[in-house]
Amino acid sequence: MIVSILAQQPTGPEFGKSSPIGLVILVALLVGTALLIWSMNKKIKRLPATFEKGDPALDQALDEGTDRGGIATSTPPKPDSAKPSVPDES
């Protein structure tokens, strides 16, 4: 049934005609695609040739004091004493 519907050739006075708004939409899509390609080419040209790390000391210096999201990288800090200090009675 679906094959017979798709196999029929549409005919009539409106077949093959398109509205001018279709052309405007097509041209707008082509211009937008061209602008996106142009913009991405500019950004790709600014990228470095390689992303290999030359000196890890620079990254380690930047990582000092970085929040690790709750992951402990060293010994956890000691909690403050919650007990009130009692003076000596001597």
N, C-alpha and C. Protein backbone atom coordinates (compact mmCIF):
# COMPACT_ATOMS: atom_id res chain seq x y z
N MET A 1 0.82 -1.18 0.00
CA MET A 1 0.00 0.00 0.00
C MET A 1 0.87 1.26 0.00
N ILE A 2 1.88 1.32 0.88
CA ILE A 2 2.75 2.50 0.95
C ILE A 2 3.57 2.62 -0.33
N VAL A 3 4.00 1.50 -0.86
CA VAL A 3 4.79 1.52 -2.09
C VAL A 3 3.96 2.07 -3.24
N SER A 4 2.70 1.70 -3.31
CA SER A 4 1.86 2.19 -4.40
C SER A 4 1.61 3.69 -4.27
N ILE A 5 1.54 4.19 -3.04
CA ILE A 5 1.36 5.64 -2.84
C ILE A 5 2.61 6.39 -3.27
N LEU A 6 3.77 5.84 -2.89
CA LEU A 6 5.03 6.50 -3.24
C LEU A 6 5.36 6.38 -4.72
N ALA A 7 4.87 5.34 -5.37
CA ALA A 7 5.17 5.11 -6.78
C ALA A 7 4.36 6.02 -7.70
N GLN A 8 3.28 6.60 -7.22
CA GLN A 8 2.46 7.46 -8.07
C GLN A 8 3.21 8.75 -8.39
N GLN A 9 3.16 9.13 -9.64
CA GLN A 9 3.78 10.38 -10.06
C GLN A 9 2.78 11.52 -9.90
N PRO A 10 3.13 12.53 -9.08
CA PRO A 10 2.19 13.63 -8.92
C PRO A 10 2.11 14.45 -10.21
N THR A 11 0.93 14.85 -10.54
CA THR A 11 0.73 15.68 -11.72
C THR A 11 -0.23 16.80 -11.36
N GLY A 12 -0.32 17.75 -12.19
CA GLY A 12 -1.25 18.85 -11.97
C GLY A 12 -0.57 20.17 -12.22
N PRO A 13 -1.32 21.25 -12.16
CA PRO A 13 -0.76 22.56 -12.48
C PRO A 13 0.25 23.06 -11.44
N GLU A 14 0.17 22.58 -10.21
CA GLU A 14 1.07 23.07 -9.17
C GLU A 14 2.33 22.22 -9.02
N PHE A 15 2.43 21.10 -9.72
CA PHE A 15 3.58 20.22 -9.57
C PHE A 15 4.83 20.87 -10.14
N GLY A 16 5.91 20.88 -9.36
CA GLY A 16 7.19 21.40 -9.82
C GLY A 16 7.39 22.87 -9.54
N LYS A 17 6.40 23.54 -9.02
CA LYS A 17 6.54 24.96 -8.73
C LYS A 17 6.95 25.13 -7.27
N SER A 18 7.72 26.15 -7.02
CA SER A 18 8.09 26.46 -5.63
C SER A 18 7.91 27.95 -5.40
N SER A 19 7.76 28.29 -4.17
CA SER A 19 7.52 29.70 -3.86
C SER A 19 8.86 30.43 -3.75
N PRO A 20 8.86 31.73 -3.94
CA PRO A 20 10.10 32.52 -3.81
C PRO A 20 10.67 32.47 -2.39
N ILE A 21 9.83 32.22 -1.40
CA ILE A 21 10.33 32.17 -0.02
C ILE A 21 11.27 30.97 0.15
N GLY A 22 11.05 29.91 -0.61
CA GLY A 22 11.95 28.76 -0.57
C GLY A 22 13.35 29.12 -1.02
N LEU A 23 13.44 29.94 -2.05
CA LEU A 23 14.74 30.40 -2.54
C LEU A 23 15.43 31.26 -1.49
N VAL A 24 14.67 32.13 -0.83
CA VAL A 24 15.24 32.99 0.22
C VAL A 24 15.79 32.13 1.37
N ILE A 25 15.03 31.12 1.76
CA ILE A 25 15.48 30.25 2.85
C ILE A 25 16.74 29.48 2.43
N LEU A 26 16.76 28.99 1.20
CA LEU A 26 17.92 28.26 0.71
C LEU A 26 19.16 29.15 0.67
N VAL A 27 19.02 30.36 0.19
CA VAL A 27 20.15 31.29 0.13
C VAL A 27 20.62 31.65 1.54
N ALA A 28 19.69 31.86 2.47
CA ALA A 28 20.07 32.17 3.86
C ALA A 28 20.83 31.01 4.49
N LEU A 29 20.41 29.79 4.23
CA LEU A 29 21.12 28.63 4.77
C LEU A 29 22.52 28.51 4.17
N LEU A 30 22.65 28.77 2.89
CA LEU A 30 23.97 28.71 2.25
C LEU A 30 24.90 29.80 2.79
N VAL A 31 24.37 31.01 2.98
CA VAL A 31 25.19 32.09 3.53
C VAL A 31 25.60 31.77 4.96
N GLY A 32 24.67 31.26 5.76
CA GLY A 32 25.00 30.88 7.13
C GLY A 32 26.06 29.79 7.19
N THR A 33 25.96 28.80 6.32
CA THR A 33 26.97 27.74 6.27
C THR A 33 28.33 28.29 5.87
N ALA A 34 28.35 29.19 4.90
CA ALA A 34 29.61 29.80 4.47
C ALA A 34 30.24 30.60 5.61
N LEU A 35 29.43 31.33 6.36
CA LEU A 35 29.96 32.11 7.49
C LEU A 35 30.49 31.20 8.59
N LEU A 36 29.82 30.10 8.86
CA LEU A 36 30.31 29.16 9.86
C LEU A 36 31.63 28.53 9.44
N ILE A 37 31.75 28.16 8.18
CA ILE A 37 33.00 27.58 7.68
C ILE A 37 34.12 28.60 7.77
N TRP A 38 33.86 29.83 7.41
CA TRP A 38 34.86 30.89 7.46
C TRP A 38 35.32 31.13 8.89
N SER A 39 34.38 31.17 9.83
CA SER A 39 34.72 31.40 11.24
C SER A 39 35.54 30.25 11.80
N MET A 40 35.17 29.02 11.50
CA MET A 40 35.91 27.87 12.01
C MET A 40 37.31 27.81 11.42
N ASN A 41 37.47 28.18 10.17
CA ASN A 41 38.81 28.20 9.57
C ASN A 41 39.70 29.21 10.27
N LYS A 42 39.15 30.37 10.65
CA LYS A 42 39.94 31.36 11.39
C LYS A 42 40.39 30.80 12.73
N LYS A 43 39.49 30.12 13.43
CA LYS A 43 39.83 29.56 14.74
C LYS A 43 40.83 28.41 14.63
N ILE A 44 40.71 27.60 13.60
CA ILE A 44 41.63 26.48 13.43
C ILE A 44 43.04 26.98 13.13
N LYS A 45 43.15 28.07 12.39
CA LYS A 45 44.47 28.62 12.08
C LYS A 45 45.17 29.14 13.32
N ARG A 46 44.43 29.54 14.35
CA ARG A 46 45.02 30.05 15.59
C ARG A 46 45.49 28.95 16.54
N LEU A 47 45.09 27.71 16.29
CA LEU A 47 45.48 26.61 17.18
C LEU A 47 46.96 26.32 17.05
N PRO A 48 47.58 25.84 18.15
CA PRO A 48 48.99 25.47 18.05
C PRO A 48 49.15 24.21 17.20
N ALA A 49 50.37 24.01 16.69
CA ALA A 49 50.62 22.86 15.83
C ALA A 49 50.50 21.55 16.60
N THR A 50 50.85 21.57 17.88
CA THR A 50 50.78 20.36 18.69
C THR A 50 50.32 20.74 20.10
N PHE A 51 49.71 19.78 20.78
CA PHE A 51 49.24 20.02 22.14
C PHE A 51 50.09 19.25 23.16
N GLU A 52 51.28 18.83 22.77
CA GLU A 52 52.15 18.10 23.68
C GLU A 52 52.67 19.04 24.75
N LYS A 53 52.80 18.50 25.96
CA LYS A 53 53.28 19.31 27.07
C LYS A 53 54.80 19.25 27.09
N GLY A 54 55.43 20.40 27.04
CA GLY A 54 56.88 20.45 27.06
C GLY A 54 57.43 20.35 28.47
N ASP A 55 56.92 21.15 29.37
CA ASP A 55 57.43 21.19 30.73
C ASP A 55 56.26 21.02 31.70
N PRO A 56 56.18 19.88 32.41
CA PRO A 56 55.04 19.67 33.32
C PRO A 56 55.08 20.57 34.55
N ALA A 57 56.21 21.20 34.82
CA ALA A 57 56.30 22.07 35.99
C ALA A 57 55.36 23.26 35.86
N LEU A 58 55.15 23.74 34.65
CA LEU A 58 54.24 24.87 34.46
C LEU A 58 52.81 24.48 34.84
N ASP A 59 52.38 23.29 34.43
CA ASP A 59 51.03 22.84 34.78
C ASP A 59 50.91 22.58 36.27
N GLN A 60 51.95 22.04 36.88
CA GLN A 60 51.91 21.76 38.31
C GLN A 60 51.83 23.05 39.09
N ALA A 61 52.51 24.09 38.64
CA ALA A 61 52.44 25.37 39.32
C ALA A 61 51.04 25.96 39.24
N LEU A 62 50.38 25.76 38.12
CA LEU A 62 49.02 26.28 37.97
C LEU A 62 48.01 25.46 38.78
N ASP A 63 48.32 24.16 38.99
CA ASP A 63 47.40 23.29 39.72
C ASP A 63 47.44 23.52 41.23
N GLU A 64 48.44 24.18 41.74
CA GLU A 64 48.52 24.41 43.18
C GLU A 64 47.34 25.27 43.62
N GLY A 65 46.62 24.79 44.61
CA GLY A 65 45.47 25.53 45.12
C GLY A 65 44.21 25.33 44.32
N THR A 66 44.23 24.41 43.36
CA THR A 66 43.05 24.14 42.54
C THR A 66 42.07 23.28 43.32
N ASP A 67 40.82 23.62 43.25
CA ASP A 67 39.78 22.83 43.91
C ASP A 67 39.62 21.53 43.15
N ARG A 68 39.75 20.43 43.82
CA ARG A 68 39.66 19.11 43.19
C ARG A 68 38.25 18.54 43.26
N GLY A 69 37.29 19.30 43.68
CA GLY A 69 35.91 18.81 43.71
C GLY A 69 35.67 17.77 44.78
N GLY A 70 36.34 17.89 45.92
CA GLY A 70 36.13 16.95 47.01
C GLY A 70 37.06 15.76 46.97
N ILE A 71 37.92 15.66 45.98
CA ILE A 71 38.87 14.55 45.90
C ILE A 71 40.10 14.95 46.70
N ALA A 72 40.44 14.15 47.70
CA ALA A 72 41.60 14.46 48.53
C ALA A 72 42.86 14.06 47.80
N THR A 73 43.79 15.02 47.64
CA THR A 73 45.05 14.72 46.98
C THR A 73 46.18 14.62 47.99
N SER A 74 45.94 15.06 49.20
CA SER A 74 46.95 14.96 50.24
C SER A 74 46.22 14.63 51.55
N THR A 75 46.92 14.73 52.66
CA THR A 75 46.28 14.43 53.94
C THR A 75 45.19 15.45 54.21
N PRO A 76 44.06 15.00 54.72
CA PRO A 76 42.98 15.94 54.99
C PRO A 76 43.34 16.86 56.14
N PRO A 77 42.82 18.08 56.15
CA PRO A 77 43.13 19.00 57.24
C PRO A 77 42.53 18.50 58.54
N LYS A 78 43.21 18.83 59.64
CA LYS A 78 42.72 18.43 60.95
C LYS A 78 41.55 19.32 61.34
N PRO A 79 40.48 18.72 61.89
CA PRO A 79 39.34 19.55 62.28
C PRO A 79 39.70 20.39 63.50
N ASP A 80 39.06 21.55 63.57
CA ASP A 80 39.28 22.42 64.72
C ASP A 80 38.73 21.76 65.97
N SER A 81 39.33 22.07 67.06
CA SER A 81 38.88 21.50 68.33
C SER A 81 37.53 22.09 68.69
N ALA A 82 36.55 21.22 68.87
CA ALA A 82 35.21 21.68 69.21
C ALA A 82 35.03 21.77 70.72
N LYS A 83 35.98 21.23 71.49
CA LYS A 83 35.86 21.25 72.94
C LYS A 83 36.27 22.63 73.45
N PRO A 84 35.50 23.16 74.36
CA PRO A 84 35.92 24.45 74.93
C PRO A 84 37.13 24.21 75.83
N SER A 85 38.00 25.15 75.80
CA SER A 85 39.20 25.00 76.64
C SER A 85 38.83 25.26 78.10
N VAL A 86 39.31 24.37 78.96
CA VAL A 86 39.04 24.48 80.40
C VAL A 86 40.33 24.97 81.06
N PRO A 87 40.23 26.06 81.79
CA PRO A 87 41.44 26.56 82.46
C PRO A 87 41.91 25.57 83.54
N ASP A 88 43.20 25.52 83.73
CA ASP A 88 43.75 24.65 84.77
C ASP A 88 43.31 25.15 86.15
N GLU A 89 43.00 24.22 87.05
CA GLU A 89 42.55 24.59 88.38
C GLU A 89 43.69 24.48 89.37
N SER A 90 44.87 24.52 88.94
CA SER A 90 45.94 24.38 89.89
C SER A 90 46.38 25.67 90.50
